[in-house]
Amino acid sequence: MGLNEVTAGMTPQEKEIYFAHMEKRHREEAEKIRLEKERTRAYKESLIQDILAKGLNHNQYTEEQLRGKSIRVLEMMW
């Protein structure tokens, strides 16, 4: 649905309220995404440190090589 279709028939005040609400919603969604990315990065870093600390990779991979692997691969290594 296009923007014109959504706002058709709205008064200027209603449009202002609508756009303020949408801006707030977009900010909240962006914050959720940012927090999820941070959580995922922290989890991946934790996996890498655990693998290196326990010697589970048998010196096959450097820390940089482990950083290039997906979380799923790191979980399987762990």
PDB file of N, CA and C in Angstrom:
ATOM      1  N   MET A   1       0.847  -1.157   0.000  1.00  0.00           N
ATOM      2  CA  MET A   1       0.000   0.000   0.000  1.00  0.00           C
ATOM      3  C   MET A   1       0.903   1.233   0.000  1.00  0.00           C
ATOM      4  N   GLY A   2       0.612   2.166  -0.878  1.00  0.00           N
ATOM      5  CA  GLY A   2       1.410   3.374  -0.993  1.00  0.00           C
ATOM      6  C   GLY A   2       1.098   4.375   0.101  1.00  0.00           C
ATOM      7  N   LEU A   3       2.017   5.309   0.271  1.00  0.00           N
ATOM      8  CA  LEU A   3       1.859   6.335   1.303  1.00  0.00           C
ATOM      9  C   LEU A   3       0.611   7.171   1.051  1.00  0.00           C
ATOM     10  N   ASN A   4       0.356   7.505  -0.206  1.00  0.00           N
ATOM     11  CA  ASN A   4      -0.824   8.310  -0.522  1.00  0.00           C
ATOM     12  C   ASN A   4      -2.109   7.563  -0.186  1.00  0.00           C
ATOM     13  N   GLU A   5      -2.109   6.250  -0.393  1.00  0.00           N
ATOM     14  CA  GLU A   5      -3.294   5.461  -0.068  1.00  0.00           C
ATOM     15  C   GLU A   5      -3.530   5.424   1.438  1.00  0.00           C
ATOM     16  N   VAL A   6      -2.446   5.368   2.199  1.00  0.00           N
ATOM     17  CA  VAL A   6      -2.566   5.305   3.655  1.00  0.00           C
ATOM     18  C   VAL A   6      -3.070   6.622   4.215  1.00  0.00           C
ATOM     19  N   THR A   7      -2.526   7.721   3.710  1.00  0.00           N
ATOM     20  CA  THR A   7      -2.854   9.030   4.281  1.00  0.00           C
ATOM     21  C   THR A   7      -4.030   9.715   3.593  1.00  0.00           C
ATOM     22  N   ALA A   8      -4.601   9.096   2.590  1.00  0.00           N
ATOM     23  CA  ALA A   8      -5.748   9.696   1.900  1.00  0.00           C
ATOM     24  C   ALA A   8      -6.900   9.866   2.885  1.00  0.00           C
ATOM     25  N   GLY A   9      -7.474  11.033   2.889  1.00  0.00           N
ATOM     26  CA  GLY A   9      -8.609  11.302   3.755  1.00  0.00           C
ATOM     27  C   GLY A   9      -8.242  11.717   5.169  1.00  0.00           C
ATOM     28  N   MET A  10      -6.959  11.750   5.479  1.00  0.00           N
ATOM     29  CA  MET A  10      -6.538  12.182   6.818  1.00  0.00           C
ATOM     30  C   MET A  10      -6.412  13.698   6.866  1.00  0.00           C
ATOM     31  N   THR A  11      -6.737  14.232   8.002  1.00  0.00           N
ATOM     32  CA  THR A  11      -6.524  15.665   8.206  1.00  0.00           C
ATOM     33  C   THR A  11      -5.033  15.888   8.464  1.00  0.00           C
ATOM     34  N   PRO A  12      -4.563  17.126   8.338  1.00  0.00           N
ATOM     35  CA  PRO A  12      -3.144  17.388   8.627  1.00  0.00           C
ATOM     36  C   PRO A  12      -2.734  16.955  10.038  1.00  0.00           C
ATOM     37  N   GLN A  13      -3.626  17.114  10.996  1.00  0.00           N
ATOM     38  CA  GLN A  13      -3.322  16.691  12.363  1.00  0.00           C
ATOM     39  C   GLN A  13      -3.191  15.169  12.451  1.00  0.00           C
ATOM     40  N   GLU A  14      -4.090  14.473  11.775  1.00  0.00           N
ATOM     41  CA  GLU A  14      -4.026  13.007  11.766  1.00  0.00           C
ATOM     42  C   GLU A  14      -2.745  12.525  11.089  1.00  0.00           C
ATOM     43  N   LYS A  15      -2.359  13.197  10.000  1.00  0.00           N
ATOM     44  CA  LYS A  15      -1.113  12.834   9.320  1.00  0.00           C
ATOM     45  C   LYS A  15       0.088  13.046  10.234  1.00  0.00           C
ATOM     46  N   GLU A  16       0.083  14.157  10.960  1.00  0.00           N
ATOM     47  CA  GLU A  16       1.192  14.450  11.872  1.00  0.00           C
ATOM     48  C   GLU A  16       1.299  13.367  12.946  1.00  0.00           C
ATOM     49  N   ILE A  17       0.168  12.977  13.505  1.00  0.00           N
ATOM     50  CA  ILE A  17       0.146  11.919  14.519  1.00  0.00           C
ATOM     51  C   ILE A  17       0.612  10.601  13.909  1.00  0.00           C
ATOM     52  N   TYR A  18       0.116  10.288  12.717  1.00  0.00           N
ATOM     53  CA  TYR A  18       0.485   9.050  12.036  1.00  0.00           C
ATOM     54  C   TYR A  18       1.989   8.991  11.797  1.00  0.00           C
ATOM     55  N   PHE A  19       2.563  10.061  11.256  1.00  0.00           N
ATOM     56  CA  PHE A  19       3.992  10.059  10.948  1.00  0.00           C
ATOM     57  C   PHE A  19       4.840  10.044  12.219  1.00  0.00           C
ATOM     58  N   ALA A  20       4.388  10.707  13.263  1.00  0.00           N
ATOM     59  CA  ALA A  20       5.117  10.664  14.537  1.00  0.00           C
ATOM     60  C   ALA A  20       5.123   9.239  15.088  1.00  0.00           C
ATOM     61  N   HIS A  21       3.976   8.572  14.983  1.00  0.00           N
ATOM     62  CA  HIS A  21       3.886   7.187  15.443  1.00  0.00           C
ATOM     63  C   HIS A  21       4.794   6.277  14.615  1.00  0.00           C
ATOM     64  N   MET A  22       4.796   6.463  13.303  1.00  0.00           N
ATOM     65  CA  MET A  22       5.632   5.630  12.435  1.00  0.00           C
ATOM     66  C   MET A  22       7.114   5.866  12.716  1.00  0.00           C
ATOM     67  N   GLU A  23       7.512   7.110  12.946  1.00  0.00           N
ATOM     68  CA  GLU A  23       8.909   7.403  13.280  1.00  0.00           C
ATOM     69  C   GLU A  23       9.305   6.702  14.572  1.00  0.00           C
ATOM     70  N   LYS A  24       8.415   6.761  15.561  1.00  0.00           N
ATOM     71  CA  LYS A  24       8.691   6.100  16.837  1.00  0.00           C
ATOM     72  C   LYS A  24       8.820   4.592  16.629  1.00  0.00           C
ATOM     73  N   ARG A  25       7.928   4.032  15.845  1.00  0.00           N
ATOM     74  CA  ARG A  25       7.962   2.594  15.578  1.00  0.00           C
ATOM     75  C   ARG A  25       9.248   2.196  14.859  1.00  0.00           C
ATOM     76  N   HIS A  26       9.671   2.992  13.889  1.00  0.00           N
ATOM     77  CA  HIS A  26      10.904   2.690  13.161  1.00  0.00           C
ATOM     78  C   HIS A  26      12.118   2.789  14.079  1.00  0.00           C
ATOM     79  N   ARG A  27      12.127   3.779  14.968  1.00  0.00           N
ATOM     80  CA  ARG A  27      13.232   3.902  15.932  1.00  0.00           C
ATOM     81  C   ARG A  27      13.285   2.685  16.850  1.00  0.00           C
ATOM     82  N   GLU A  28      12.117   2.254  17.329  1.00  0.00           N
ATOM     83  CA  GLU A  28      12.062   1.086  18.211  1.00  0.00           C
ATOM     84  C   GLU A  28      12.547  -0.162  17.491  1.00  0.00           C
ATOM     85  N   GLU A  29      12.128  -0.345  16.245  1.00  0.00           N
ATOM     86  CA  GLU A  29      12.571  -1.505  15.470  1.00  0.00           C
ATOM     87  C   GLU A  29      14.075  -1.460  15.224  1.00  0.00           C
ATOM     88  N   ALA A  30      14.593  -0.282  14.902  1.00  0.00           N
ATOM     89  CA  ALA A  30      16.035  -0.138  14.678  1.00  0.00           C
ATOM     90  C   ALA A  30      16.806  -0.462  15.953  1.00  0.00           C
ATOM     91  N   GLU A  31      16.278  -0.048  17.087  1.00  0.00           N
ATOM     92  CA  GLU A  31      16.926  -0.338  18.372  1.00  0.00           C
ATOM     93  C   GLU A  31      16.911  -1.837  18.660  1.00  0.00           C
ATOM     94  N   LYS A  32      15.785  -2.501  18.379  1.00  0.00           N
ATOM     95  CA  LYS A  32      15.699  -3.949  18.573  1.00  0.00           C
ATOM     96  C   LYS A  32      16.727  -4.662  17.704  1.00  0.00           C
ATOM     97  N   ILE A  33      16.841  -4.238  16.457  1.00  0.00           N
ATOM     98  CA  ILE A  33      17.795  -4.857  15.538  1.00  0.00           C
ATOM     99  C   ILE A  33      19.216  -4.629  16.019  1.00  0.00           C
ATOM    100  N   ARG A  34      19.511  -3.409  16.471  1.00  0.00           N
ATOM    101  CA  ARG A  34      20.853  -3.095  16.967  1.00  0.00           C
ATOM    102  C   ARG A  34      21.200  -3.960  18.174  1.00  0.00           C
ATOM    103  N   LEU A  35      20.257  -4.095  19.110  1.00  0.00           N
ATOM    104  CA  LEU A  35      20.494  -4.909  20.299  1.00  0.00           C
ATOM    105  C   LEU A  35      20.688  -6.379  19.946  1.00  0.00           C
ATOM    106  N   GLU A  36      19.915  -6.872  18.992  1.00  0.00           N
ATOM    107  CA  GLU A  36      20.056  -8.265  18.561  1.00  0.00           C
ATOM    108  C   GLU A  36      21.420  -8.498  17.914  1.00  0.00           C
ATOM    109  N   LYS A  37      21.877  -7.553  17.090  1.00  0.00           N
ATOM    110  CA  LYS A  37      23.199  -7.677  16.476  1.00  0.00           C
ATOM    111  C   LYS A  37      24.294  -7.677  17.532  1.00  0.00           C
ATOM    112  N   GLU A  38      24.164  -6.802  18.531  1.00  0.00           N
ATOM    113  CA  GLU A  38      25.151  -6.762  19.613  1.00  0.00           C
ATOM    114  C   GLU A  38      25.167  -8.072  20.386  1.00  0.00           C
ATOM    115  N   ARG A  39      23.985  -8.611  20.667  1.00  0.00           N
ATOM    116  CA  ARG A  39      23.883  -9.875  21.392  1.00  0.00           C
ATOM    117  C   ARG A  39      24.517 -11.005  20.588  1.00  0.00           C
ATOM    118  N   THR A  40      24.260 -11.021  19.287  1.00  0.00           N
ATOM    119  CA  THR A  40      24.828 -12.045  18.422  1.00  0.00           C
ATOM    120  C   THR A  40      26.345 -11.926  18.356  1.00  0.00           C
ATOM    121  N   ARG A  41      26.858 -10.699  18.221  1.00  0.00           N
ATOM    122  CA  ARG A  41      28.315 -10.500  18.194  1.00  0.00           C
ATOM    123  C   ARG A  41      28.959 -10.961  19.496  1.00  0.00           C
ATOM    124  N   ALA A  42      28.329 -10.625  20.614  1.00  0.00           N
ATOM    125  CA  ALA A  42      28.865 -11.021  21.918  1.00  0.00           C
ATOM    126  C   ALA A  42      28.858 -12.540  22.066  1.00  0.00           C
ATOM    127  N   TYR A  43      27.795 -13.185  21.609  1.00  0.00           N
ATOM    128  CA  TYR A  43      27.706 -14.642  21.674  1.00  0.00           C
ATOM    129  C   TYR A  43      28.793 -15.284  20.821  1.00  0.00           C
ATOM    130  N   LYS A  44      28.992 -14.760  19.611  1.00  0.00           N
ATOM    131  CA  LYS A  44      30.020 -15.300  18.725  1.00  0.00           C
ATOM    132  C   LYS A  44      31.402 -15.117  19.347  1.00  0.00           C
ATOM    133  N   GLU A  45      31.654 -13.953  19.904  1.00  0.00           N
ATOM    134  CA  GLU A  45      32.944 -13.690  20.553  1.00  0.00           C
ATOM    135  C   GLU A  45      33.156 -14.646  21.722  1.00  0.00           C
ATOM    136  N   SER A  46      32.094 -14.898  22.477  1.00  0.00           N
ATOM    137  CA  SER A  46      32.172 -15.828  23.596  1.00  0.00           C
ATOM    138  C   SER A  46      32.516 -17.237  23.110  1.00  0.00           C
ATOM    139  N   LEU A  47      31.881 -17.666  22.031  1.00  0.00           N
ATOM    140  CA  LEU A  47      32.184 -18.984  21.461  1.00  0.00           C
ATOM    141  C   LEU A  47      33.642 -19.067  21.028  1.00  0.00           C
ATOM    142  N   ILE A  48      34.122 -18.035  20.354  1.00  0.00           N
ATOM    143  CA  ILE A  48      35.508 -18.022  19.878  1.00  0.00           C
ATOM    144  C   ILE A  48      36.464 -18.112  21.059  1.00  0.00           C
ATOM    145  N   GLN A  49      36.218 -17.320  22.084  1.00  0.00           N
ATOM    146  CA  GLN A  49      37.099 -17.340  23.254  1.00  0.00           C
ATOM    147  C   GLN A  49      37.056 -18.695  23.955  1.00  0.00           C
ATOM    148  N   ASP A  50      35.884 -19.304  24.038  1.00  0.00           N
ATOM    149  CA  ASP A  50      35.773 -20.627  24.658  1.00  0.00           C
ATOM    150  C   ASP A  50      36.533 -21.674  23.856  1.00  0.00           C
ATOM    151  N   ILE A  51      36.413 -21.626  22.545  1.00  0.00           N
ATOM    152  CA  ILE A  51      37.113 -22.587  21.688  1.00  0.00           C
ATOM    153  C   ILE A  51      38.616 -22.419  21.836  1.00  0.00           C
ATOM    154  N   LEU A  52      39.083 -21.189  21.817  1.00  0.00           N
ATOM    155  CA  LEU A  52      40.519 -20.938  21.958  1.00  0.00           C
ATOM    156  C   LEU A  52      41.015 -21.316  23.354  1.00  0.00           C
ATOM    157  N   ALA A  53      40.237 -21.023  24.380  1.00  0.00           N
ATOM    158  CA  ALA A  53      40.653 -21.296  25.756  1.00  0.00           C
ATOM    159  C   ALA A  53      40.739 -22.792  26.042  1.00  0.00           C
ATOM    160  N   LYS A  54      39.825 -23.545  25.489  1.00  0.00           N
ATOM    161  CA  LYS A  54      39.793 -24.983  25.750  1.00  0.00           C
ATOM    162  C   LYS A  54      40.651 -25.768  24.770  1.00  0.00           C
ATOM    163  N   GLY A  55      41.206 -25.090  23.771  1.00  0.00           N
ATOM    164  CA  GLY A  55      42.034 -25.787  22.792  1.00  0.00           C
ATOM    165  C   GLY A  55      41.243 -26.751  21.933  1.00  0.00           C
ATOM    166  N   LEU A  56      39.968 -26.459  21.731  1.00  0.00           N
ATOM    167  CA  LEU A  56      39.111 -27.382  20.982  1.00  0.00           C
ATOM    168  C   LEU A  56      39.406 -27.400  19.492  1.00  0.00           C
ATOM    169  N   ASN A  57      40.096 -26.386  19.003  1.00  0.00           N
ATOM    170  CA  ASN A  57      40.357 -26.373  17.567  1.00  0.00           C
ATOM    171  C   ASN A  57      41.686 -27.037  17.242  1.00  0.00           C
ATOM    172  N   HIS A  58      42.370 -27.559  18.258  1.00  0.00           N
ATOM    173  CA  HIS A  58      43.635 -28.280  18.078  1.00  0.00           C
ATOM    174  C   HIS A  58      44.615 -27.487  17.227  1.00  0.00           C
ATOM    175  N   ASN A  59      44.617 -26.175  17.450  1.00  0.00           N
ATOM    176  CA  ASN A  59      45.513 -25.261  16.741  1.00  0.00           C
ATOM    177  C   ASN A  59      45.337 -25.297  15.223  1.00  0.00           C
ATOM    178  N   GLN A  60      44.167 -25.700  14.768  1.00  0.00           N
ATOM    179  CA  GLN A  60      43.901 -25.716  13.331  1.00  0.00           C
ATOM    180  C   GLN A  60      43.573 -24.323  12.814  1.00  0.00           C
ATOM    181  N   TYR A  61      42.962 -23.510  13.642  1.00  0.00           N
ATOM    182  CA  TYR A  61      42.488 -22.207  13.195  1.00  0.00           C
ATOM    183  C   TYR A  61      43.022 -21.108  14.102  1.00  0.00           C
ATOM    184  N   THR A  62      43.325 -19.974  13.488  1.00  0.00           N
ATOM    185  CA  THR A  62      43.703 -18.796  14.269  1.00  0.00           C
ATOM    186  C   THR A  62      42.423 -18.095  14.716  1.00  0.00           C
ATOM    187  N   GLU A  63      42.581 -17.127  15.580  1.00  0.00           N
ATOM    188  CA  GLU A  63      41.420 -16.366  16.047  1.00  0.00           C
ATOM    189  C   GLU A  63      40.738 -15.666  14.876  1.00  0.00           C
ATOM    190  N   GLU A  64      41.519 -15.126  13.957  1.00  0.00           N
ATOM    191  CA  GLU A  64      40.941 -14.451  12.780  1.00  0.00           C
ATOM    192  C   GLU A  64      40.156 -15.429  11.918  1.00  0.00           C
ATOM    193  N   GLN A  65      40.671 -16.629  11.745  1.00  0.00           N
ATOM    194  CA  GLN A  65      39.950 -17.623  10.946  1.00  0.00           C
ATOM    195  C   GLN A  65      38.637 -18.006  11.628  1.00  0.00           C
ATOM    196  N   LEU A  66      38.673 -18.120  12.949  1.00  0.00           N
ATOM    197  CA  LEU A  66      37.438 -18.437  13.676  1.00  0.00           C
ATOM    198  C   LEU A  66      36.421 -17.314  13.541  1.00  0.00           C
ATOM    199  N   ARG A  67      36.887 -16.068  13.533  1.00  0.00           N
ATOM    200  CA  ARG A  67      35.968 -14.933  13.381  1.00  0.00           C
ATOM    201  C   ARG A  67      35.253 -14.975  12.026  1.00  0.00           C
ATOM    202  N   GLY A  68      35.877 -15.563  11.034  1.00  0.00           N
ATOM    203  CA  GLY A  68      35.274 -15.647   9.714  1.00  0.00           C
ATOM    204  C   GLY A  68      34.233 -16.744   9.592  1.00  0.00           C
ATOM    205  N   LYS A  69      34.143 -17.600  10.578  1.00  0.00           N
ATOM    206  CA  LYS A  69      33.189 -18.711  10.528  1.00  0.00           C
ATOM    207  C   LYS A  69      31.843 -18.274  11.104  1.00  0.00           C
ATOM    208  N   SER A  70      30.805 -18.961  10.684  1.00  0.00           N
ATOM    209  CA  SER A  70      29.457 -18.637  11.165  1.00  0.00           C
ATOM    210  C   SER A  70      29.271 -19.161  12.587  1.00  0.00           C
ATOM    211  N   ILE A  71      28.264 -18.653  13.245  1.00  0.00           N
ATOM    212  CA  ILE A  71      27.961 -19.094  14.605  1.00  0.00           C
ATOM    213  C   ILE A  71      27.637 -20.582  14.613  1.00  0.00           C
ATOM    214  N   ARG A  72      26.933 -21.035  13.620  1.00  0.00           N
ATOM    215  CA  ARG A  72      26.569 -22.457  13.557  1.00  0.00           C
ATOM    216  C   ARG A  72      27.811 -23.341  13.518  1.00  0.00           C
ATOM    217  N   VAL A  73      28.796 -22.969  12.707  1.00  0.00           N
ATOM    218  CA  VAL A  73      30.036 -23.743  12.618  1.00  0.00           C
ATOM    219  C   VAL A  73      30.763 -23.701  13.957  1.00  0.00           C
ATOM    220  N   LEU A  74      30.807 -22.525  14.568  1.00  0.00           N
ATOM    221  CA  LEU A  74      31.467 -22.405  15.869  1.00  0.00           C
ATOM    222  C   LEU A  74      30.760 -23.258  16.922  1.00  0.00           C
ATOM    223  N   GLU A  75      29.441 -23.294  16.883  1.00  0.00           N
ATOM    224  CA  GLU A  75      28.695 -24.129  17.829  1.00  0.00           C
ATOM    225  C   GLU A  75      29.011 -25.602  17.613  1.00  0.00           C
ATOM    226  N   MET A  76      29.152 -26.012  16.374  1.00  0.00           N
ATOM    227  CA  MET A  76      29.487 -27.411  16.096  1.00  0.00           C
ATOM    228  C   MET A  76      30.901 -27.726  16.579  1.00  0.00           C
ATOM    229  N   MET A  77      31.814 -26.760  16.465  1.00  0.00           N
ATOM    230  CA  MET A  77      33.175 -26.964  16.954  1.00  0.00           C
ATOM    231  C   MET A  77      33.186 -27.050  18.473  1.00  0.00           C
ATOM    232  N   TRP A  78      32.323 -26.292  19.121  1.00  0.00           N
ATOM    233  CA  TRP A  78      32.283 -26.230  20.570  1.00  0.00           C
ATOM    234  C   TRP A  78      31.686 -27.499  21.102  1.00  0.00           C
TER     235      TRP A  78
END
